PDB file of N, CA and C in Angstrom:
ATOM      1  N   UNK A   1     145.697  28.238 249.675  1.00  0.00           N
ATOM      2  CA  UNK A   1     146.149  28.658 250.972  1.00  0.00           C
ATOM      3  C   UNK A   1     145.597  30.057 251.217  1.00  0.00           C
ATOM      4  N   UNK A   2     145.190  30.297 252.441  1.00  0.00           N
ATOM      5  CA  UNK A   2     144.650  31.589 252.823  1.00  0.00           C
ATOM      6  C   UNK A   2     145.576  32.236 253.856  1.00  0.00           C
ATOM      7  N   UNK A   3     145.534  33.546 253.897  1.00  0.00           N
ATOM      8  CA  UNK A   3     146.253  34.314 254.910  1.00  0.00           C
ATOM      9  C   UNK A   3     145.265  35.305 255.510  1.00  0.00           C
ATOM     10  N   UNK A   4     145.523  35.758 256.717  1.00  0.00           N
ATOM     11  CA  UNK A   4     144.611  36.720 257.329  1.00  0.00           C
ATOM     12  C   UNK A   4     144.505  38.013 256.504  1.00  0.00           C
ATOM     13  N   UNK A   5     143.305  38.605 256.542  1.00  0.00           N
ATOM     14  CA  UNK A   5     143.100  39.882 255.875  1.00  0.00           C
ATOM     15  C   UNK A   5     144.120  40.885 256.409  1.00  0.00           C
ATOM     16  N   UNK A   6     144.690  41.655 255.510  1.00  0.00           N
ATOM     17  CA  UNK A   6     145.660  42.661 255.913  1.00  0.00           C
ATOM     18  C   UNK A   6     147.101  42.164 255.918  1.00  0.00           C
ATOM     19  N   UNK A   7     147.305  40.897 255.563  1.00  0.00           N
ATOM     20  CA  UNK A   7     148.675  40.393 255.472  1.00  0.00           C
ATOM     21  C   UNK A   7     149.411  41.196 254.408  1.00  0.00           C
ATOM     22  N   UNK A   8     150.598  41.701 254.705  1.00  0.00           N
ATOM     23  CA  UNK A   8     151.322  42.512 253.717  1.00  0.00           C
ATOM     24  C   UNK A   8     151.550  41.739 252.414  1.00  0.00           C
ATOM     25  N   UNK A   9     151.418  42.434 251.276  1.00  0.00           N
ATOM     26  CA  UNK A   9     151.617  41.782 249.980  1.00  0.00           C
ATOM     27  C   UNK A   9     152.957  41.050 249.854  1.00  0.00           C
ATOM     28  N   UNK A  10     154.001  41.590 250.444  1.00  0.00           N
ATOM     29  CA  UNK A  10     155.308  40.922 250.368  1.00  0.00           C
ATOM     30  C   UNK A  10     155.258  39.549 251.026  1.00  0.00           C
ATOM     31  N   UNK A  11     154.525  39.437 252.125  1.00  0.00           N
ATOM     32  CA  UNK A  11     154.391  38.152 252.816  1.00  0.00           C
ATOM     33  C   UNK A  11     153.548  37.193 251.984  1.00  0.00           C
ATOM     34  N   UNK A  12     152.445  37.685 251.440  1.00  0.00           N
ATOM     35  CA  UNK A  12     151.580  36.856 250.593  1.00  0.00           C
ATOM     36  C   UNK A  12     152.374  36.329 249.400  1.00  0.00           C
ATOM     37  N   UNK A  13     153.135  37.188 248.768  1.00  0.00           N
ATOM     38  CA  UNK A  13     153.928  36.771 247.602  1.00  0.00           C
ATOM     39  C   UNK A  13     154.997  35.760 247.994  1.00  0.00           C
ATOM     40  N   UNK A  14     155.606  35.945 249.139  1.00  0.00           N
ATOM     41  CA  UNK A  14     156.624  34.994 249.600  1.00  0.00           C
ATOM     42  C   UNK A  14     155.996  33.633 249.879  1.00  0.00           C
ATOM     43  N   UNK A  15     154.846  33.634 250.538  1.00  0.00           N
ATOM     44  CA  UNK A  15     154.140  32.370 250.788  1.00  0.00           C
ATOM     45  C   UNK A  15     153.813  31.672 249.476  1.00  0.00           C
ATOM     46  N   UNK A  16     153.328  32.431 248.515  1.00  0.00           N
ATOM     47  CA  UNK A  16     152.978  31.845 247.222  1.00  0.00           C
ATOM     48  C   UNK A  16     154.208  31.251 246.549  1.00  0.00           C
ATOM     49  N   UNK A  17     155.318  31.973 246.588  1.00  0.00           N
ATOM     50  CA  UNK A  17     156.563  31.466 245.986  1.00  0.00           C
ATOM     51  C   UNK A  17     157.009  30.162 246.653  1.00  0.00           C
ATOM     52  N   UNK A  18     156.925  30.099 247.972  1.00  0.00           N
ATOM     53  CA  UNK A  18     157.359  28.911 248.694  1.00  0.00           C
ATOM     54  C   UNK A  18     156.432  27.720 248.448  1.00  0.00           C
ATOM     55  N   UNK A  19     155.142  27.978 248.341  1.00  0.00           N
ATOM     56  CA  UNK A  19     154.189  26.895 248.042  1.00  0.00           C
ATOM     57  C   UNK A  19     154.462  26.345 246.645  1.00  0.00           C
ATOM     58  N   UNK A  20     154.694  27.221 245.682  1.00  0.00           N
ATOM     59  CA  UNK A  20     155.002  26.773 244.318  1.00  0.00           C
ATOM     60  C   UNK A  20     156.261  25.898 244.327  1.00  0.00           C
ATOM     61  N   UNK A  21     157.278  26.314 245.063  1.00  0.00           N
ATOM     62  CA  UNK A  21     158.508  25.517 245.155  1.00  0.00           C
ATOM     63  C   UNK A  21     158.227  24.144 245.777  1.00  0.00           C
ATOM     64  N   UNK A  22     157.460  24.135 246.849  1.00  0.00           N
ATOM     65  CA  UNK A  22     157.152  22.869 247.526  1.00  0.00           C
ATOM     66  C   UNK A  22     156.365  21.939 246.617  1.00  0.00           C
ATOM     67  N   UNK A  23     155.391  22.488 245.900  1.00  0.00           N
ATOM     68  CA  UNK A  23     154.570  21.661 245.010  1.00  0.00           C
ATOM     69  C   UNK A  23     155.363  21.104 243.831  1.00  0.00           C
ATOM     70  N   UNK A  24     156.498  21.701 243.547  1.00  0.00           N
ATOM     71  CA  UNK A  24     157.334  21.241 242.437  1.00  0.00           C
ATOM     72  C   UNK A  24     158.287  20.107 242.835  1.00  0.00           C
ATOM     73  N   UNK A  25     158.386  19.816 244.128  1.00  0.00           N
ATOM     74  CA  UNK A  25     159.309  18.767 244.555  1.00  0.00           C
ATOM     75  C   UNK A  25     158.719  17.386 244.249  1.00  0.00           C
ATOM     76  N   UNK A  26     159.582  16.436 243.921  1.00  0.00           N
ATOM     77  CA  UNK A  26     159.091  15.094 243.616  1.00  0.00           C
ATOM     78  C   UNK A  26     158.292  14.467 244.767  1.00  0.00           C
ATOM     79  N   UNK A  27     158.719  14.705 246.002  1.00  0.00           N
ATOM     80  CA  UNK A  27     158.032  14.116 247.150  1.00  0.00           C
ATOM     81  C   UNK A  27     156.591  14.619 247.267  1.00  0.00           C
ATOM     82  N   UNK A  28     156.419  15.907 247.106  1.00  0.00           N
ATOM     83  CA  UNK A  28     155.074  16.481 247.223  1.00  0.00           C
ATOM     84  C   UNK A  28     154.217  16.063 246.034  1.00  0.00           C
ATOM     85  N   UNK A  29     154.797  16.073 244.845  1.00  0.00           N
ATOM     86  CA  UNK A  29     154.048  15.623 243.660  1.00  0.00           C
ATOM     87  C   UNK A  29     153.555  14.191 243.852  1.00  0.00           C
ATOM     88  N   UNK A  30     154.448  13.316 244.333  1.00  0.00           N
ATOM     89  CA  UNK A  30     154.092  11.912 244.547  1.00  0.00           C
ATOM     90  C   UNK A  30     152.998  11.780 245.594  1.00  0.00           C
ATOM     91  N   UNK A  31     153.102  12.559 246.655  1.00  0.00           N
ATOM     92  CA  UNK A  31     152.088  12.479 247.721  1.00  0.00           C
ATOM     93  C   UNK A  31     150.721  12.898 247.200  1.00  0.00           C
ATOM     94  N   UNK A  32     150.677  13.952 246.420  1.00  0.00           N
ATOM     95  CA  UNK A  32     149.407  14.379 245.840  1.00  0.00           C
ATOM     96  C   UNK A  32     148.844  13.290 244.929  1.00  0.00           C
ATOM     97  N   UNK A  33     149.700  12.658 244.137  1.00  0.00           N
ATOM     98  CA  UNK A  33     149.240  11.578 243.258  1.00  0.00           C
ATOM     99  C   UNK A  33     148.658  10.423 244.060  1.00  0.00           C
ATOM    100  N   UNK A  34     149.320  10.043 245.157  1.00  0.00           N
ATOM    101  CA  UNK A  34     148.810   8.926 245.957  1.00  0.00           C
ATOM    102  C   UNK A  34     147.481   9.265 246.625  1.00  0.00           C
ATOM    103  N   UNK A  35     147.239  10.543 246.836  1.00  0.00           N
ATOM    104  CA  UNK A  35     145.970  10.978 247.426  1.00  0.00           C
ATOM    105  C   UNK A  35     144.883  11.197 246.368  1.00  0.00           C
ATOM    106  N   UNK A  36     145.279  11.071 245.103  1.00  0.00           N
ATOM    107  CA  UNK A  36     144.322  11.313 244.027  1.00  0.00           C
ATOM    108  C   UNK A  36     144.005  12.782 243.854  1.00  0.00           C
ATOM    109  N   UNK A  37     144.920  13.631 244.282  1.00  0.00           N
ATOM    110  CA  UNK A  37     144.715  15.076 244.218  1.00  0.00           C
ATOM    111  C   UNK A  37     145.544  15.687 243.098  1.00  0.00           C
ATOM    112  N   UNK A  38     145.101  16.834 242.655  1.00  0.00           N
ATOM    113  CA  UNK A  38     145.807  17.580 241.623  1.00  0.00           C
ATOM    114  C   UNK A  38     146.126  18.956 242.188  1.00  0.00           C
ATOM    115  N   UNK A  39     147.391  19.276 242.322  1.00  0.00           N
ATOM    116  CA  UNK A  39     147.793  20.572 242.870  1.00  0.00           C
ATOM    117  C   UNK A  39     147.957  21.579 241.740  1.00  0.00           C
ATOM    118  N   UNK A  40     147.387  22.750 241.943  1.00  0.00           N
ATOM    119  CA  UNK A  40     147.572  23.830 240.982  1.00  0.00           C
ATOM    120  C   UNK A  40     147.685  25.128 241.750  1.00  0.00           C
ATOM    121  N   UNK A  41     148.355  26.085 241.170  1.00  0.00           N
ATOM    122  CA  UNK A  41     148.594  27.343 241.853  1.00  0.00           C
ATOM    123  C   UNK A  41     148.119  28.511 241.002  1.00  0.00           C
ATOM    124  N   UNK A  42     147.782  29.574 241.687  1.00  0.00           N
ATOM    125  CA  UNK A  42     147.410  30.826 241.050  1.00  0.00           C
ATOM    126  C   UNK A  42     148.190  31.943 241.723  1.00  0.00           C
ATOM    127  N   UNK A  43     148.403  33.012 240.988  1.00  0.00           N
ATOM    128  CA  UNK A  43     148.980  34.209 241.595  1.00  0.00           C
ATOM    129  C   UNK A  43     147.967  34.733 242.615  1.00  0.00           C
ATOM    130  N   UNK A  44     148.415  35.468 243.630  1.00  0.00           N
ATOM    131  CA  UNK A  44     147.492  35.947 244.664  1.00  0.00           C
ATOM    132  C   UNK A  44     146.244  36.666 244.127  1.00  0.00           C
ATOM    133  N   UNK A  45     146.393  37.551 243.177  1.00  0.00           N
ATOM    134  CA  UNK A  45     145.232  38.272 242.634  1.00  0.00           C
ATOM    135  C   UNK A  45     144.291  37.322 241.902  1.00  0.00           C
ATOM    136  N   UNK A  46     144.843  36.339 241.201  1.00  0.00           N
ATOM    137  CA  UNK A  46     144.018  35.351 240.501  1.00  0.00           C
ATOM    138  C   UNK A  46     143.251  34.500 241.504  1.00  0.00           C
ATOM    139  N   UNK A  47     143.913  34.125 242.601  1.00  0.00           N
ATOM    140  CA  UNK A  47     143.261  33.320 243.623  1.00  0.00           C
ATOM    141  C   UNK A  47     142.118  34.096 244.271  1.00  0.00           C
ATOM    142  N   UNK A  48     142.349  35.371 244.556  1.00  0.00           N
ATOM    143  CA  UNK A  48     141.304  36.218 245.131  1.00  0.00           C
ATOM    144  C   UNK A  48     140.093  36.262 244.209  1.00  0.00           C
ATOM    145  N   UNK A  49     140.332  36.459 242.920  1.00  0.00           N
ATOM    146  CA  UNK A  49     139.233  36.506 241.948  1.00  0.00           C
ATOM    147  C   UNK A  49     138.517  35.156 241.877  1.00  0.00           C
ATOM    148  N   UNK A  50     139.272  34.068 241.915  1.00  0.00           N
ATOM    149  CA  UNK A  50     138.688  32.729 241.869  1.00  0.00           C
ATOM    150  C   UNK A  50     137.762  32.498 243.060  1.00  0.00           C
ATOM    151  N   UNK A  51     138.231  32.829 244.255  1.00  0.00           N
ATOM    152  CA  UNK A  51     137.420  32.623 245.463  1.00  0.00           C
ATOM    153  C   UNK A  51     136.157  33.469 245.406  1.00  0.00           C
ATOM    154  N   UNK A  52     136.289  34.720 244.989  1.00  0.00           N
ATOM    155  CA  UNK A  52     135.109  35.591 244.893  1.00  0.00           C
ATOM    156  C   UNK A  52     134.101  35.042 243.879  1.00  0.00           C
ATOM    157  N   UNK A  53     134.588  34.550 242.749  1.00  0.00           N
ATOM    158  CA  UNK A  53     133.698  33.958 241.738  1.00  0.00           C
ATOM    159  C   UNK A  53     133.011  32.708 242.268  1.00  0.00           C
ATOM    160  N   UNK A  54     133.743  31.876 243.010  1.00  0.00           N
ATOM    161  CA  UNK A  54     133.156  30.666 243.583  1.00  0.00           C
ATOM    162  C   UNK A  54     132.060  31.008 244.584  1.00  0.00           C
ATOM    163  N   UNK A  55     132.296  32.020 245.386  1.00  0.00           N
ATOM    164  CA  UNK A  55     131.278  32.445 246.358  1.00  0.00           C
ATOM    165  C   UNK A  55     130.023  32.891 245.629  1.00  0.00           C
ATOM    166  N   UNK A  56     130.190  33.701 244.600  1.00  0.00           N
ATOM    167  CA  UNK A  56     129.036  34.179 243.831  1.00  0.00           C
ATOM    168  C   UNK A  56     128.302  33.027 243.155  1.00  0.00           C
ATOM    169  N   UNK A  57     129.056  32.141 242.509  1.00  0.00           N
ATOM    170  CA  UNK A  57     128.416  31.070 241.749  1.00  0.00           C
ATOM    171  C   UNK A  57     127.728  30.043 242.653  1.00  0.00           C
ATOM    172  N   UNK A  58     128.172  29.918 243.885  1.00  0.00           N
ATOM    173  CA  UNK A  58     127.565  28.956 244.791  1.00  0.00           C
ATOM    174  C   UNK A  58     126.482  29.548 245.677  1.00  0.00           C
ATOM    175  N   UNK A  59     126.325  30.854 245.682  1.00  0.00           N
ATOM    176  CA  UNK A  59     125.332  31.501 246.540  1.00  0.00           C
ATOM    177  C   UNK A  59     123.923  31.005 246.229  1.00  0.00           C
ATOM    178  N   UNK A  60     123.585  30.889 244.955  1.00  0.00           N
ATOM    179  CA  UNK A  60     122.246  30.422 244.578  1.00  0.00           C
ATOM    180  C   UNK A  60     122.029  28.976 245.015  1.00  0.00           C
ATOM    181  N   UNK A  61     123.031  28.150 244.887  1.00  0.00           N
ATOM    182  CA  UNK A  61     122.940  26.749 245.309  1.00  0.00           C
ATOM    183  C   UNK A  61     122.716  26.651 246.813  1.00  0.00           C
ATOM    184  N   UNK A  62     123.450  27.426 247.564  1.00  0.00           N
ATOM    185  CA  UNK A  62     123.307  27.426 249.019  1.00  0.00           C
ATOM    186  C   UNK A  62     121.901  27.880 249.406  1.00  0.00           C
ATOM    187  N   UNK A  63     121.427  28.936 248.768  1.00  0.00           N
ATOM    188  CA  UNK A  63     120.089  29.454 249.060  1.00  0.00           C
ATOM    189  C   UNK A  63     119.028  28.414 248.711  1.00  0.00           C
ATOM    190  N   UNK A  64     119.161  27.789 247.546  1.00  0.00           N
ATOM    191  CA  UNK A  64     118.169  26.793 247.104  1.00  0.00           C
ATOM    192  C   UNK A  64     118.134  25.576 248.051  1.00  0.00           C
ATOM    193  N   UNK A  65     119.272  25.256 248.623  1.00  0.00           N
ATOM    194  CA  UNK A  65     119.342  24.120 249.550  1.00  0.00           C
ATOM    195  C   UNK A  65     118.829  24.497 250.942  1.00  0.00           C
ATOM    196  N   UNK A  66     118.570  25.781 251.155  1.00  0.00           N
ATOM    197  CA  UNK A  66     118.094  26.232 252.454  1.00  0.00           C
ATOM    198  C   UNK A  66     119.139  26.218 253.543  1.00  0.00           C
ATOM    199  N   UNK A  67     120.400  26.270 253.144  1.00  0.00           N
ATOM    200  CA  UNK A  67     121.490  26.253 254.117  1.00  0.00           C
ATOM    201  C   UNK A  67     121.684  27.636 254.722  1.00  0.00           C
ATOM    202  N   UNK A  68     122.138  27.662 255.955  1.00  0.00           N
ATOM    203  CA  UNK A  68     122.405  28.921 256.641  1.00  0.00           C
ATOM    204  C   UNK A  68     123.754  28.844 257.332  1.00  0.00           C
ATOM    205  N   UNK A  69     124.378  29.995 257.462  1.00  0.00           N
ATOM    206  CA  UNK A  69     125.657  30.072 258.143  1.00  0.00           C
ATOM    207  C   UNK A  69     125.448  29.844 259.636  1.00  0.00           C
ATOM    208  N   UNK A  70     126.313  29.037 260.209  1.00  0.00           N
ATOM    209  CA  UNK A  70     126.295  28.812 261.658  1.00  0.00           C
ATOM    210  C   UNK A  70     127.512  29.487 262.250  1.00  0.00           C
ATOM    211  N   UNK A  71     127.311  30.296 263.256  1.00  0.00           N
ATOM    212  CA  UNK A  71     128.430  30.976 263.909  1.00  0.00           C
ATOM    213  C   UNK A  71     128.955  30.187 265.073  1.00  0.00           C
TER     214      UNK A  71
END
């Protein structure tokens, strides 16, 4: 889940706490299973690092494929 840049840390942490609670409910777990999905959560700082690493690791692939950003 993403939030706009500049969202106060207290709000980000609250969103993360609520998502973790929702993902722990039997209904949500079952829905993810029926979709063939696996839900996992990270703390906000871990998620930020993960996204930044993914961007870096995929930059070469995007360049090699000749893809360009469309505005």
